[in-house]
Protein backbone atom coordinates (compact mmCIF):
# COMPACT_ATOMS: atom_id res chain seq x y z
CA MET A 1 -9.40 -2.74 7.32
CA ARG A 2 -8.79 -3.75 3.33
CA VAL A 3 -5.09 -3.53 2.10
CA THR A 4 -4.66 -0.95 -0.95
CA PRO A 5 -3.33 -3.28 -4.17
CA ILE A 6 0.15 -2.38 -4.41
CA LEU A 7 0.81 -1.76 -0.63
CA LEU A 8 -0.57 -5.89 -0.51
CA ALA A 9 1.55 -6.70 -2.80
CA ALA A 10 4.58 -4.60 -1.08
CA ALA A 11 3.98 -6.65 2.23
CA LEU A 12 3.49 -10.14 0.79
CA ALA A 13 7.12 -9.33 -1.20
CA ALA A 14 8.67 -8.36 1.99
CA CYS A 15 7.21 -11.76 3.69
CA ALA A 16 6.92 -9.16 6.89
CA ILE A 17 5.10 -6.37 8.24
CA PRO A 18 6.61 -3.34 6.60
CA ARG A 19 8.89 -1.40 9.18
CA ILE A 20 7.05 1.88 9.74
CA GLU A 21 8.74 4.61 10.57
CA ALA A 22 8.03 8.61 11.10
CA GLU A 23 9.69 11.08 8.63
CA PRO A 24 10.45 14.79 9.63
CA PRO A 25 9.23 17.40 6.93
CA GLY A 26 12.61 17.96 4.57
CA ARG A 27 14.25 16.62 1.58
CA HIS A 28 14.32 13.09 0.93
CA GLN A 29 16.53 10.93 -1.00
CA VAL A 30 14.48 8.34 -3.34
CA GLY A 31 17.27 5.76 -4.31
CA ASP A 32 20.11 6.74 -6.27
CA ALA A 33 17.86 8.63 -8.73
CA TYR A 34 15.87 11.70 -6.95
CA THR A 35 14.85 13.64 -4.04
CA ILE A 36 11.60 15.01 -2.67
CA THR A 37 10.63 17.81 -0.27
CA THR A 38 7.90 17.52 2.28
CA SER A 39 6.78 20.28 4.54
CA ARG A 40 5.27 17.89 7.38
CA SER A 41 5.98 14.75 9.00
CA TRP A 42 4.68 11.46 6.94
CA SER A 43 4.84 7.84 7.76
CA ARG A 44 7.45 5.86 5.73
CA SER A 45 7.88 2.41 5.03
CA THR A 46 10.46 0.76 2.64
CA GLY A 47 11.44 -2.37 0.84
CA SER A 48 12.10 -3.70 -2.44
CA TRP A 49 8.55 -2.73 -3.93
CA GLY A 50 9.47 1.14 -3.37
CA GLU A 51 8.69 3.52 -0.28
CA VAL A 52 4.95 4.19 0.90
CA ARG A 53 4.49 7.24 2.46
CA THR A 54 1.13 8.29 4.64
CA ILE A 55 -0.20 10.82 7.10
CA ASP A 56 -3.42 9.05 8.43
CA GLY A 57 -3.09 5.60 6.87
CA VAL A 58 -2.22 3.95 3.50
CA THR A 59 -6.15 3.42 3.21
CA LEU A 60 -6.97 7.16 3.45
CA GLY A 61 -3.87 8.39 1.63
CA ARG A 62 -0.65 7.00 0.22
CA LEU A 63 2.13 8.47 -1.81
CA GLN A 64 4.37 5.75 -3.30
CA THR A 65 7.60 6.10 -4.90
CA TRP A 66 10.02 4.10 -6.80
CA ALA A 67 13.39 4.74 -8.11
CA GLY A 68 15.20 2.76 -10.86
CA ILE A 69 12.69 0.14 -12.12
CA GLY A 70 14.78 -1.76 -14.26
CA ASP A 71 14.08 -3.72 -17.38
CA GLY A 72 11.91 -6.59 -16.36
CA GLU A 73 11.31 -5.60 -12.60
CA LEU A 74 7.70 -5.07 -11.28
CA LEU A 75 5.57 -2.77 -9.35
CA GLY A 76 5.24 -5.08 -6.71
CA MET A 77 4.40 -8.78 -6.11
CA VAL A 78 1.69 -11.41 -5.08
CA GLU A 79 3.26 -14.85 -4.86
CA GLY A 80 1.42 -17.23 -7.47
CA GLN A 81 -0.07 -14.30 -9.58
CA THR A 82 1.93 -13.02 -12.80
CA LEU A 83 2.03 -9.07 -12.90
CA PRO A 84 2.92 -6.96 -15.52
CA ALA A 85 6.23 -6.11 -15.95
CA PHE A 86 8.66 -2.82 -16.64
CA ARG A 87 10.24 -2.46 -20.14
CA ALA A 88 13.16 -0.32 -20.57
CA ASP A 89 11.18 0.99 -24.05
CA PHE A 90 8.15 1.43 -22.65
CA THR A 91 6.20 5.12 -23.80
CA PRO A 92 4.55 7.17 -21.39
CA LEU A 93 1.51 5.32 -22.01
CA GLU A 94 3.09 2.12 -21.95
CA VAL A 95 4.02 3.11 -18.33
CA THR A 96 0.06 4.20 -17.45
CA GLU A 97 -0.56 0.53 -18.85
CA LEU A 98 1.46 -0.84 -16.44
CA VAL A 99 0.35 1.11 -13.73
CA ALA A 100 -3.43 0.15 -14.32
CA ASP A 101 -2.86 -3.51 -15.23
CA THR A 102 -0.59 -4.12 -12.07
CA ILE A 103 -3.80 -2.38 -9.73
CA GLU A 104 -6.44 -4.35 -11.66
CA ALA A 105 -4.54 -7.60 -11.23
CA LEU A 106 -4.11 -7.05 -7.33
CA SER A 107 -7.41 -5.90 -6.72
CA PRO A 108 -9.76 -7.72 -9.26
CA GLY A 109 -12.93 -5.79 -10.16
CA ALA A 110 -10.81 -2.27 -9.82
CA ASP A 111 -11.42 -1.18 -13.38
CA VAL A 112 -8.82 1.74 -13.55
CA VAL A 113 -9.68 4.60 -15.93
CA VAL A 114 -6.26 6.57 -16.96
CA THR A 115 -7.28 10.41 -17.61
CA ASP A 116 -4.65 13.25 -18.72
CA LEU A 117 -1.75 12.02 -19.69
CA ARG A 118 0.44 14.58 -20.54
CA PRO A 119 4.09 15.64 -20.66
CA ALA A 120 5.23 17.02 -17.25
CA PRO A 121 8.91 17.33 -15.79
CA PHE A 122 10.78 15.17 -13.37
CA GLY A 123 12.92 17.43 -11.93
CA SER A 124 14.93 18.46 -14.88
CA ARG A 125 14.13 15.75 -16.78
CA PRO A 126 11.63 15.19 -19.31
CA GLY A 127 8.70 13.20 -17.49
CA PHE A 128 5.21 12.61 -17.85
CA ARG A 129 2.02 12.86 -15.48
CA PHE A 130 -1.28 11.09 -15.42
CA SER A 131 -4.58 11.10 -13.83
CA TYR A 132 -6.77 7.56 -12.55
CA GLU A 133 -9.50 6.61 -10.83
CA TYR A 134 -10.85 3.13 -9.80
CA VAL A 135 -13.16 1.61 -7.21
CA ASP A 136 -11.54 -0.89 -4.54
CA GLY A 137 -13.55 -2.54 -2.32
CA GLY A 138 -16.71 0.03 -3.26
CA LEU A 139 -14.35 2.88 -2.16
CA PRO A 140 -13.89 5.22 -5.27
CA THR A 141 -10.36 6.02 -5.49
CA ARG A 142 -8.51 8.82 -7.14
CA GLY A 143 -4.78 9.49 -7.79
CA VAL A 144 -1.97 11.06 -9.70
CA ALA A 145 1.09 9.85 -11.17
CA LEU A 146 4.53 11.33 -11.90
CA GLY A 147 6.82 9.62 -14.01
CA ALA A 148 9.90 9.53 -16.29
CA VAL A 149 11.87 6.91 -17.99
CA HIS A 150 15.43 7.81 -18.14
CA ASP A 151 18.62 5.35 -19.37
CA GLY A 152 15.89 2.61 -19.91
CA GLN A 153 14.36 2.65 -15.87
CA LEU A 154 11.51 4.16 -14.57
CA ASP A 155 11.25 6.45 -12.03
CA LEU A 156 7.48 6.82 -10.72
CA ILE A 157 5.31 8.63 -7.98
CA LEU A 158 1.68 7.32 -7.31
CA PHE A 159 -0.50 9.02 -5.38
CA ALA A 160 -4.06 7.69 -4.42
CA ALA A 161 -6.53 8.39 -1.90
CA PRO A 162 -10.45 7.83 -1.27
CA ALA A 163 -12.08 10.17 -3.86
CA GLU A 164 -14.33 11.82 -0.92
CA HIS A 165 -12.44 13.97 1.45
CA TYR A 166 -9.13 12.90 1.51
CA PHE A 167 -7.80 13.12 -2.24
CA ASP A 168 -8.88 16.74 -2.19
CA LEU A 169 -7.21 17.03 1.74
CA TYR A 170 -3.79 15.69 0.67
CA TRP A 171 -3.42 17.22 -2.93
CA PRO A 172 -2.26 20.21 -2.19
CA GLU A 173 0.80 18.68 -0.28
CA VAL A 174 1.38 16.25 -2.63
CA GLU A 175 1.26 18.44 -5.56
CA GLN A 176 4.10 20.73 -3.77
CA ILE A 177 5.95 17.15 -3.48
CA MET A 178 5.69 16.07 -6.84
CA ALA A 179 6.89 20.12 -7.93
CA SER A 180 10.05 19.61 -5.77
CA VAL A 181 11.77 16.50 -7.43
CA THR A 182 15.31 17.12 -8.05
CA ALA A 183 16.52 14.44 -10.50
CA PRO A 184 20.26 14.97 -11.78
CA ILE A 185 20.55 14.33 -15.52
CA GLY A 186 23.03 11.75 -14.86
CA ARG A 187 22.09 8.52 -12.35
């Protein structure tokens, strides 16, 4: 089984197998920045790299959330490899490049294509949304991201799943989760 790029970074950063726990449906806090609401049970692992939620395993679909990524921080880490860092003054376009560059650095040859960057609410905050596609180990993958830069910090939700079957299977639930974001004006 091939481990997806950002999750691989998370596992290596933690230097151990991440603890996976069942998360029942309901409202869930993501850091101190926002909440999401799920309508079904997900498996969740947490670390300094964010949170990863999955229903049938990370290779079949994963929802990753980060809260309050600060200036100079990364979306993932791999020992001995330099990854792009977030900057407090990033625009939405620069965040798309950060996501694409991180995936490409962690999965050589992935060649991420970003499309449909547009404004979108992140709870009560102005935010942005974009779609992305790449091939990971021969498997075409689709994804959608929702994010906001607020007070120089990045809040980010990424969903990715194999383009065939699994993206469409999980997308209705993920779309509801993204619409459920509650992010207060202040932190």
